[in-house]
Structure formats: C-alpha cells, structure tokens
Amino acid sequence: MSVSSSVGLRICAPVLVLALCAAPLLADQAPAQLAAAPIPTQVLTARKVFISNAGVNGIGFAILQRAGDADQPYNQFYAAVKGWGRFEVVGAPSDADLVLELRFDSALLALTIVDSKTHFILWTITEPVEYANLAKTWRKNIGLGITNLVTEMKGVVAEPTPGGAKL
C-alpha cells in the first residue's frame, strides 16, 4: 500500500510550518550553562606519581620504530612530568598516589590517570598526533602531542584557590 504524495504533503506540511515557526524562538534562548563536574579529589591532592608505559598498538609501534625511537612518547612524557615539578615521580606504583598510564595508539596519545590504591580510572586525557610521512616530522609531531597532553593535564590538576578558581 502506498501513500499518495498529496496525503504525504498534508501530513508533512503542518509539521514543517511548525518547525520553521519555532526555530526563531529556540534560537533566542541561550543554552543553559552546566556546572562543571568535580575533578576527583585524588587528582587534585596527589603529590607522588608513578609513570607507566602502557605501550603502543601495532600501527603505533611501526610508526615509532620508523621515527627511530619506540619509547619516544614515554621518555618525553616522563621528562616533561619530572621537569614540571608538580609531582614527585616515584619508581613503584605502590609508592605513588596516582599512576599515569601513557599509551600511543596510531596517531593518538592517551593518558589514563589511575588511583594507585583503588585502581579506579579517575581521568583520561587524549591528544591527537598529526600524521606524517617523514620520521623527523613524526618525532616533531609526537613531541608536540606530548607537550599538549602535559598542558591539558596541568589544567586538570590545577589546584583550586579558596575562591574556587583554578591556579
């Protein structure tokens, strides 16, 4: 059984007119501001971290090998966190407040922040790494990805001031 086009038009036309009339009304309304969800306390109060090399996937490993250093993301991230001075980097997860698990998947860096006591994932940050053909460009792009990842992490772990703003 098919519906004639005139019946379809009689059904669709009022709906279309209603939608067109309501559009300006909806556009005038400002989107509701959502309150920022809290960052887990452990992330804000941690002083000691263990940095874990959670590895790379097959494509990521091939990219890193071609770029000349399969551990480049881990080594650069480790140096950046240590140089930041916000955390004491410890040698064992049991000595840490948080475990920072770094993983490289193809063209994406992923940092998972884990509570070392409960083993719950508290936060995840991802940062794209732009594709490249040359090994030198891959190294540069991975370095930029690590810099961006650490910058984003700094924003997450910034301690709130008494007024509520982050430092």
N, C-alpha and C. Protein backbone atom coordinates (compact mmCIF):
# COMPACT_ATOMS: atom_id res chain seq x y z
N MET A 1 0.85 -1.16 0.00
CA MET A 1 0.00 0.00 0.00
C MET A 1 0.90 1.22 0.00
N SER A 2 0.60 2.17 -0.89
CA SER A 2 1.41 3.38 -0.96
C SER A 2 0.56 4.60 -0.63
N VAL A 3 1.21 5.58 -0.11
CA VAL A 3 0.53 6.81 0.26
C VAL A 3 0.76 7.81 -0.87
N SER A 4 -0.29 8.47 -1.32
CA SER A 4 -0.13 9.43 -2.41
C SER A 4 0.66 10.62 -1.91
N SER A 5 1.30 11.32 -2.82
CA SER A 5 2.11 12.46 -2.44
C SER A 5 1.28 13.58 -1.85
N SER A 6 0.00 13.72 -2.25
CA SER A 6 -0.82 14.79 -1.68
C SER A 6 -1.15 14.50 -0.21
N VAL A 7 -1.35 13.22 0.15
CA VAL A 7 -1.60 12.86 1.54
C VAL A 7 -0.33 13.11 2.36
N GLY A 8 0.79 12.74 1.82
CA GLY A 8 2.07 12.96 2.50
C GLY A 8 2.33 14.44 2.72
N LEU A 9 1.98 15.25 1.72
CA LEU A 9 2.16 16.70 1.85
C LEU A 9 1.25 17.27 2.93
N ARG A 10 0.00 16.79 3.00
CA ARG A 10 -0.93 17.28 4.01
C ARG A 10 -0.46 16.93 5.41
N ILE A 11 0.26 15.84 5.55
CA ILE A 11 0.76 15.44 6.87
C ILE A 11 2.06 16.18 7.20
N CYS A 12 2.95 16.29 6.23
CA CYS A 12 4.26 16.87 6.47
C CYS A 12 4.25 18.40 6.52
N ALA A 13 3.39 19.03 5.75
CA ALA A 13 3.37 20.49 5.67
C ALA A 13 3.14 21.15 7.02
N PRO A 14 2.14 20.74 7.80
CA PRO A 14 1.95 21.39 9.11
C PRO A 14 3.15 21.20 10.04
N VAL A 15 3.75 20.04 9.98
CA VAL A 15 4.91 19.78 10.83
C VAL A 15 6.06 20.69 10.42
N LEU A 16 6.26 20.85 9.12
CA LEU A 16 7.32 21.71 8.61
C LEU A 16 7.08 23.17 8.99
N VAL A 17 5.84 23.64 8.86
CA VAL A 17 5.49 25.02 9.23
C VAL A 17 5.73 25.24 10.71
N LEU A 18 5.31 24.30 11.54
CA LEU A 18 5.51 24.41 12.98
C LEU A 18 7.01 24.48 13.33
N ALA A 19 7.80 23.65 12.69
CA ALA A 19 9.24 23.64 12.93
C ALA A 19 9.88 24.96 12.52
N LEU A 20 9.48 25.50 11.38
CA LEU A 20 10.03 26.77 10.91
C LEU A 20 9.63 27.93 11.82
N CYS A 21 8.42 27.89 12.35
CA CYS A 21 7.96 28.95 13.25
C CYS A 21 8.66 28.87 14.61
N ALA A 22 8.95 27.68 15.05
CA ALA A 22 9.57 27.50 16.36
C ALA A 22 11.07 27.78 16.34
N ALA A 23 11.70 27.67 15.18
CA ALA A 23 13.16 27.85 15.08
C ALA A 23 13.63 29.19 15.62
N PRO A 24 13.02 30.34 15.25
CA PRO A 24 13.49 31.60 15.82
C PRO A 24 13.33 31.68 17.33
N LEU A 25 12.29 31.08 17.86
CA LEU A 25 12.08 31.09 19.31
C LEU A 25 13.18 30.31 20.02
N LEU A 26 13.55 29.18 19.44
CA LEU A 26 14.60 28.36 20.05
C LEU A 26 15.96 29.02 19.92
N ALA A 27 16.19 29.74 18.83
CA ALA A 27 17.47 30.40 18.61
C ALA A 27 17.69 31.53 19.60
N ASP A 28 16.60 32.18 20.06
CA ASP A 28 16.73 33.29 21.00
C ASP A 28 17.11 32.83 22.40
N GLN A 29 16.88 31.58 22.70
CA GLN A 29 17.17 31.08 24.04
C GLN A 29 18.66 30.73 24.14
N ALA A 30 19.31 31.25 25.14
CA ALA A 30 20.72 30.92 25.36
C ALA A 30 20.80 29.51 25.92
N PRO A 31 21.81 28.76 25.50
CA PRO A 31 21.95 27.41 26.05
C PRO A 31 22.21 27.48 27.56
N ALA A 32 21.62 26.55 28.26
CA ALA A 32 21.79 26.52 29.71
C ALA A 32 23.24 26.20 30.04
N GLN A 33 23.81 26.91 31.00
CA GLN A 33 25.17 26.66 31.43
C GLN A 33 25.16 25.51 32.43
N LEU A 34 25.93 24.51 32.13
CA LEU A 34 26.07 23.39 33.05
C LEU A 34 27.20 23.69 34.04
N ALA A 35 26.98 23.34 35.25
CA ALA A 35 28.03 23.48 36.25
C ALA A 35 29.12 22.45 35.95
N ALA A 36 30.35 22.85 36.12
CA ALA A 36 31.45 21.93 35.87
C ALA A 36 31.41 20.80 36.89
N ALA A 37 31.53 19.59 36.37
CA ALA A 37 31.57 18.42 37.26
C ALA A 37 32.89 18.45 38.03
N PRO A 38 32.89 17.94 39.24
CA PRO A 38 34.11 17.99 40.05
C PRO A 38 35.20 17.06 39.51
N ILE A 39 36.41 17.48 39.72
CA ILE A 39 37.57 16.64 39.41
C ILE A 39 37.83 15.81 40.65
N PRO A 40 38.09 14.51 40.50
CA PRO A 40 38.31 13.67 41.68
C PRO A 40 39.38 14.25 42.61
N THR A 41 39.11 14.21 43.89
CA THR A 41 40.00 14.76 44.90
C THR A 41 41.40 14.21 44.79
N GLN A 42 41.51 12.91 44.50
CA GLN A 42 42.84 12.28 44.41
C GLN A 42 43.70 12.97 43.35
N VAL A 43 43.07 13.40 42.25
CA VAL A 43 43.80 14.05 41.18
C VAL A 43 44.33 15.40 41.64
N LEU A 44 43.55 16.10 42.43
CA LEU A 44 43.93 17.44 42.89
C LEU A 44 44.93 17.42 44.03
N THR A 45 44.90 16.38 44.85
CA THR A 45 45.74 16.36 46.05
C THR A 45 47.00 15.48 45.92
N ALA A 46 47.13 14.75 44.86
CA ALA A 46 48.27 13.84 44.70
C ALA A 46 49.59 14.60 44.70
N ARG A 47 50.59 13.98 45.31
CA ARG A 47 51.94 14.56 45.33
C ARG A 47 52.95 13.63 44.66
N LYS A 48 52.67 12.32 44.67
CA LYS A 48 53.59 11.35 44.10
C LYS A 48 52.90 10.60 42.96
N VAL A 49 53.63 10.44 41.85
CA VAL A 49 53.08 9.69 40.72
C VAL A 49 54.08 8.65 40.23
N PHE A 50 53.53 7.59 39.71
CA PHE A 50 54.31 6.58 39.00
C PHE A 50 53.90 6.69 37.55
N ILE A 51 54.85 6.75 36.64
CA ILE A 51 54.54 6.87 35.22
C ILE A 51 54.70 5.50 34.58
N SER A 52 53.61 5.03 34.01
CA SER A 52 53.56 3.70 33.40
C SER A 52 53.56 3.82 31.88
N ASN A 53 54.40 3.02 31.26
CA ASN A 53 54.41 2.93 29.80
C ASN A 53 53.41 1.85 29.41
N ALA A 54 52.18 2.27 29.07
CA ALA A 54 51.12 1.31 28.74
C ALA A 54 51.25 0.80 27.31
N GLY A 55 52.31 1.20 26.61
CA GLY A 55 52.62 0.63 25.31
C GLY A 55 51.98 1.33 24.13
N VAL A 56 52.07 0.63 23.00
CA VAL A 56 51.54 1.15 21.74
C VAL A 56 50.83 0.01 21.02
N ASN A 57 49.93 0.37 20.11
CA ASN A 57 49.32 -0.67 19.29
C ASN A 57 50.24 -0.98 18.12
N GLY A 58 49.88 -1.94 17.30
CA GLY A 58 50.75 -2.38 16.20
C GLY A 58 51.14 -1.27 15.24
N ILE A 59 50.17 -0.46 14.83
CA ILE A 59 50.46 0.63 13.89
C ILE A 59 51.32 1.68 14.59
N GLY A 60 50.99 1.99 15.83
CA GLY A 60 51.77 2.96 16.58
C GLY A 60 53.21 2.51 16.75
N PHE A 61 53.41 1.22 17.00
CA PHE A 61 54.75 0.68 17.16
C PHE A 61 55.55 0.84 15.87
N ALA A 62 54.93 0.54 14.74
CA ALA A 62 55.60 0.69 13.45
C ALA A 62 55.97 2.15 13.20
N ILE A 63 55.06 3.06 13.54
CA ILE A 63 55.33 4.49 13.38
C ILE A 63 56.52 4.90 14.22
N LEU A 64 56.53 4.48 15.49
CA LEU A 64 57.62 4.86 16.39
C LEU A 64 58.95 4.25 15.98
N GLN A 65 58.92 3.02 15.49
CA GLN A 65 60.15 2.40 15.02
C GLN A 65 60.69 3.15 13.81
N ARG A 66 59.76 3.53 12.91
CA ARG A 66 60.18 4.27 11.72
C ARG A 66 60.74 5.64 12.11
N ALA A 67 60.19 6.22 13.18
CA ALA A 67 60.67 7.51 13.64
C ALA A 67 61.99 7.38 14.41
N GLY A 68 62.37 6.14 14.75
CA GLY A 68 63.67 5.92 15.36
C GLY A 68 63.70 5.63 16.84
N ASP A 69 62.56 5.74 17.54
CA ASP A 69 62.58 5.50 18.99
C ASP A 69 61.20 5.02 19.43
N ALA A 70 61.08 3.73 19.68
CA ALA A 70 59.78 3.16 20.06
C ALA A 70 59.32 3.64 21.43
N ASP A 71 60.22 4.17 22.25
CA ASP A 71 59.86 4.67 23.58
C ASP A 71 59.79 6.19 23.65
N GLN A 72 59.81 6.86 22.50
CA GLN A 72 59.82 8.32 22.47
C GLN A 72 58.68 8.95 23.28
N PRO A 73 57.42 8.54 23.10
CA PRO A 73 56.36 9.19 23.87
C PRO A 73 56.57 9.04 25.38
N TYR A 74 56.90 7.84 25.81
CA TYR A 74 57.12 7.59 27.25
C TYR A 74 58.27 8.44 27.78
N ASN A 75 59.40 8.42 27.07
CA ASN A 75 60.57 9.17 27.53
C ASN A 75 60.28 10.68 27.60
N GLN A 76 59.61 11.20 26.58
CA GLN A 76 59.31 12.64 26.58
C GLN A 76 58.29 12.99 27.66
N PHE A 77 57.28 12.15 27.84
CA PHE A 77 56.28 12.42 28.86
C PHE A 77 56.92 12.36 30.25
N TYR A 78 57.73 11.35 30.48
CA TYR A 78 58.43 11.20 31.77
C TYR A 78 59.25 12.45 32.07
N ALA A 79 60.03 12.91 31.09
CA ALA A 79 60.86 14.09 31.28
C ALA A 79 60.01 15.34 31.53
N ALA A 80 58.90 15.46 30.82
CA ALA A 80 58.03 16.64 30.97
C ALA A 80 57.40 16.68 32.37
N VAL A 81 56.91 15.53 32.85
CA VAL A 81 56.29 15.49 34.18
C VAL A 81 57.34 15.75 35.25
N LYS A 82 58.48 15.13 35.10
CA LYS A 82 59.55 15.32 36.09
C LYS A 82 60.01 16.78 36.10
N GLY A 83 60.15 17.38 34.94
CA GLY A 83 60.59 18.76 34.83
C GLY A 83 59.55 19.77 35.30
N TRP A 84 58.29 19.39 35.27
CA TRP A 84 57.20 20.26 35.69
C TRP A 84 57.33 20.60 37.17
N GLY A 85 57.71 19.62 37.99
CA GLY A 85 57.91 19.85 39.41
C GLY A 85 56.66 19.77 40.26
N ARG A 86 55.52 19.55 39.67
CA ARG A 86 54.26 19.46 40.42
C ARG A 86 54.20 18.17 41.23
N PHE A 87 54.75 17.10 40.66
CA PHE A 87 54.71 15.78 41.29
C PHE A 87 56.12 15.27 41.54
N GLU A 88 56.24 14.44 42.55
CA GLU A 88 57.44 13.65 42.73
C GLU A 88 57.21 12.36 41.96
N VAL A 89 58.10 12.05 41.02
CA VAL A 89 57.97 10.83 40.23
C VAL A 89 58.67 9.71 41.00
N VAL A 90 57.92 8.66 41.34
CA VAL A 90 58.47 7.56 42.14
C VAL A 90 58.67 6.33 41.25
N GLY A 91 59.45 5.39 41.77
CA GLY A 91 59.84 4.22 40.99
C GLY A 91 58.91 3.03 41.08
N ALA A 92 57.90 3.08 41.94
CA ALA A 92 56.99 1.94 42.09
C ALA A 92 55.56 2.45 42.26
N PRO A 93 54.60 1.78 41.66
CA PRO A 93 53.20 2.21 41.80
C PRO A 93 52.73 2.22 43.25
N SER A 94 53.25 1.31 44.06
CA SER A 94 52.82 1.25 45.46
C SER A 94 53.27 2.47 46.27
N ASP A 95 54.27 3.21 45.77
CA ASP A 95 54.75 4.41 46.44
C ASP A 95 54.03 5.67 45.97
N ALA A 96 53.13 5.53 44.99
CA ALA A 96 52.51 6.68 44.35
C ALA A 96 51.08 6.91 44.82
N ASP A 97 50.64 8.16 44.69
CA ASP A 97 49.22 8.49 44.91
C ASP A 97 48.43 8.19 43.63
N LEU A 98 49.05 8.46 42.49
CA LEU A 98 48.42 8.23 41.19
C LEU A 98 49.38 7.47 40.27
N VAL A 99 48.80 6.71 39.36
CA VAL A 99 49.57 6.10 38.28
C VAL A 99 49.14 6.81 37.00
N LEU A 100 50.13 7.31 36.26
CA LEU A 100 49.87 7.96 34.99
C LEU A 100 50.25 6.98 33.88
N GLU A 101 49.23 6.41 33.24
CA GLU A 101 49.46 5.41 32.19
C GLU A 101 49.43 6.10 30.83
N LEU A 102 50.56 6.05 30.14
CA LEU A 102 50.65 6.67 28.82
C LEU A 102 50.61 5.59 27.76
N ARG A 103 49.78 5.81 26.74
CA ARG A 103 49.64 4.87 25.63
C ARG A 103 49.63 5.64 24.32
N PHE A 104 50.25 5.06 23.28
CA PHE A 104 50.24 5.65 21.94
C PHE A 104 49.53 4.67 21.01
N ASP A 105 48.42 5.11 20.45
CA ASP A 105 47.66 4.30 19.51
C ASP A 105 47.62 5.01 18.17
N SER A 106 48.32 4.47 17.20
CA SER A 106 48.38 5.06 15.85
C SER A 106 48.76 6.53 15.94
N ALA A 107 47.81 7.41 15.86
CA ALA A 107 48.10 8.84 15.91
C ALA A 107 47.36 9.50 17.07
N LEU A 108 47.33 8.82 18.20
CA LEU A 108 46.62 9.35 19.36
C LEU A 108 47.39 8.98 20.63
N LEU A 109 47.69 10.00 21.43
CA LEU A 109 48.29 9.77 22.74
C LEU A 109 47.17 9.74 23.76
N ALA A 110 47.19 8.77 24.65
CA ALA A 110 46.16 8.66 25.68
C ALA A 110 46.84 8.56 27.03
N LEU A 111 46.40 9.41 27.95
CA LEU A 111 46.90 9.39 29.32
C LEU A 111 45.75 9.00 30.23
N THR A 112 45.91 7.91 30.95
CA THR A 112 44.89 7.47 31.90
C THR A 112 45.45 7.68 33.30
N ILE A 113 44.70 8.42 34.12
CA ILE A 113 45.11 8.69 35.49
C ILE A 113 44.36 7.72 36.39
N VAL A 114 45.12 6.89 37.11
CA VAL A 114 44.56 5.81 37.92
C VAL A 114 44.91 6.05 39.39
N ASP A 115 43.94 5.82 40.27
CA ASP A 115 44.19 5.87 41.71
C ASP A 115 45.00 4.63 42.06
N SER A 116 46.18 4.83 42.61
CA SER A 116 47.05 3.68 42.90
C SER A 116 46.52 2.78 44.00
N LYS A 117 45.66 3.30 44.87
CA LYS A 117 45.12 2.49 45.96
C LYS A 117 43.90 1.66 45.54
N THR A 118 42.99 2.28 44.80
CA THR A 118 41.75 1.58 44.42
C THR A 118 41.81 0.99 43.01
N HIS A 119 42.77 1.43 42.22
CA HIS A 119 42.94 1.00 40.83
C HIS A 119 41.80 1.48 39.93
N PHE A 120 41.03 2.46 40.37
CA PHE A 120 39.97 3.04 39.55
C PHE A 120 40.55 4.10 38.63
N ILE A 121 40.05 4.14 37.41
CA ILE A 121 40.41 5.21 36.48
C ILE A 121 39.72 6.48 36.96
N LEU A 122 40.51 7.53 37.16
CA LEU A 122 39.96 8.79 37.65
C LEU A 122 39.76 9.79 36.52
N TRP A 123 40.61 9.74 35.51
CA TRP A 123 40.54 10.73 34.44
C TRP A 123 41.29 10.19 33.23
N THR A 124 40.87 10.57 32.05
CA THR A 124 41.57 10.21 30.82
C THR A 124 41.71 11.45 29.96
N ILE A 125 42.88 11.63 29.41
CA ILE A 125 43.15 12.75 28.51
C ILE A 125 43.70 12.15 27.22
N THR A 126 43.17 12.60 26.10
CA THR A 126 43.69 12.14 24.81
C THR A 126 44.14 13.34 24.00
N GLU A 127 45.13 13.11 23.19
CA GLU A 127 45.68 14.17 22.35
C GLU A 127 46.04 13.57 20.99
N PRO A 128 45.50 14.15 19.92
CA PRO A 128 45.85 13.63 18.60
C PRO A 128 47.29 13.97 18.24
N VAL A 129 47.88 13.11 17.43
CA VAL A 129 49.21 13.36 16.88
C VAL A 129 49.04 13.38 15.36
N GLU A 130 49.39 14.50 14.77
CA GLU A 130 49.19 14.65 13.33
C GLU A 130 50.04 13.65 12.56
N TYR A 131 49.44 13.04 11.53
CA TYR A 131 50.11 12.06 10.70
C TYR A 131 51.26 12.72 9.94
N ALA A 132 52.29 11.95 9.67
CA ALA A 132 53.43 12.45 8.92
C ALA A 132 54.02 11.34 8.06
N ASN A 133 54.73 11.72 7.03
CA ASN A 133 55.41 10.74 6.18
C ASN A 133 56.87 10.56 6.57
N LEU A 134 57.49 11.61 7.03
CA LEU A 134 58.91 11.57 7.37
C LEU A 134 59.12 11.30 8.86
N ALA A 135 60.15 10.53 9.17
CA ALA A 135 60.47 10.19 10.56
C ALA A 135 60.70 11.46 11.38
N LYS A 136 61.41 12.43 10.80
CA LYS A 136 61.70 13.67 11.52
C LYS A 136 60.39 14.40 11.87
N THR A 137 59.45 14.39 10.96
CA THR A 137 58.16 15.05 11.21
C THR A 137 57.37 14.29 12.26
N TRP A 138 57.43 12.94 12.24
CA TRP A 138 56.76 12.14 13.27
C TRP A 138 57.30 12.51 14.65
N ARG A 139 58.62 12.58 14.77
CA ARG A 139 59.23 12.92 16.06
C ARG A 139 58.75 14.29 16.53
N LYS A 140 58.72 15.25 15.61
CA LYS A 140 58.24 16.59 15.96
C LYS A 140 56.77 16.56 16.37
N ASN A 141 55.94 15.84 15.62
CA ASN A 141 54.50 15.78 15.92
C ASN A 141 54.21 15.07 17.23
N ILE A 142 54.96 14.02 17.52
CA ILE A 142 54.79 13.31 18.79
C ILE A 142 55.21 14.23 19.93
N GLY A 143 56.31 14.94 19.76
CA GLY A 143 56.76 15.90 20.77
C GLY A 143 55.71 16.97 21.04
N LEU A 144 55.08 17.48 19.98
CA LEU A 144 54.02 18.46 20.14
C LEU A 144 52.82 17.85 20.85
N GLY A 145 52.49 16.59 20.51
CA GLY A 145 51.39 15.89 21.18
C GLY A 145 51.65 15.73 22.67
N ILE A 146 52.87 15.39 23.03
CA ILE A 146 53.24 15.25 24.46
C ILE A 146 53.13 16.60 25.15
N THR A 147 53.62 17.65 24.51
CA THR A 147 53.51 19.00 25.10
C THR A 147 52.06 19.36 25.34
N ASN A 148 51.20 19.10 24.36
CA ASN A 148 49.78 19.41 24.50
C ASN A 148 49.12 18.56 25.58
N LEU A 149 49.52 17.30 25.67
CA LEU A 149 48.98 16.39 26.68
C LEU A 149 49.33 16.89 28.09
N VAL A 150 50.58 17.28 28.29
CA VAL A 150 51.01 17.77 29.60
C VAL A 150 50.32 19.09 29.92
N THR A 151 50.15 19.95 28.93
CA THR A 151 49.45 21.22 29.14
C THR A 151 48.01 20.97 29.57
N GLU A 152 47.36 20.02 28.92
CA GLU A 152 45.98 19.69 29.31
C GLU A 152 45.94 19.08 30.70
N MET A 153 46.92 18.24 31.03
CA MET A 153 46.99 17.65 32.36
C MET A 153 47.19 18.73 33.42
N LYS A 154 48.00 19.73 33.11
CA LYS A 154 48.22 20.84 34.05
C LYS A 154 46.90 21.54 34.34
N GLY A 155 46.04 21.69 33.33
CA GLY A 155 44.74 22.31 33.54
C GLY A 155 43.83 21.47 34.41
N VAL A 156 43.92 20.17 34.29
CA VAL A 156 43.08 19.28 35.08
C VAL A 156 43.52 19.26 36.54
N VAL A 157 44.82 19.19 36.78
CA VAL A 157 45.30 19.02 38.16
C VAL A 157 45.57 20.34 38.87
N ALA A 158 45.27 21.45 38.20
CA ALA A 158 45.49 22.75 38.85
C ALA A 158 44.69 22.81 40.14
N GLU A 159 45.32 23.26 41.18
CA GLU A 159 44.66 23.30 42.48
C GLU A 159 43.72 24.49 42.56
N PRO A 160 42.50 24.28 43.04
CA PRO A 160 41.58 25.41 43.18
C PRO A 160 42.05 26.36 44.29
N THR A 161 41.81 27.64 44.07
CA THR A 161 42.11 28.63 45.10
C THR A 161 40.95 28.69 46.07
N PRO A 162 41.09 29.36 47.21
CA PRO A 162 39.97 29.45 48.16
C PRO A 162 38.69 30.02 47.53
N GLY A 163 38.83 30.88 46.50
CA GLY A 163 37.65 31.43 45.84
C GLY A 163 37.01 30.48 44.84
N GLY A 164 37.66 29.35 44.59
CA GLY A 164 37.11 28.35 43.68
C GLY A 164 37.76 28.33 42.32
N ALA A 165 38.54 29.38 41.97
CA ALA A 165 39.16 29.39 40.67
C ALA A 165 40.41 28.51 40.69
N LYS A 166 40.75 27.96 39.53
CA LYS A 166 41.96 27.14 39.44
C LYS A 166 43.17 28.02 39.23
N LEU A 167 44.28 27.58 39.77
CA LEU A 167 45.54 28.30 39.58
C LEU A 167 46.10 27.99 38.23
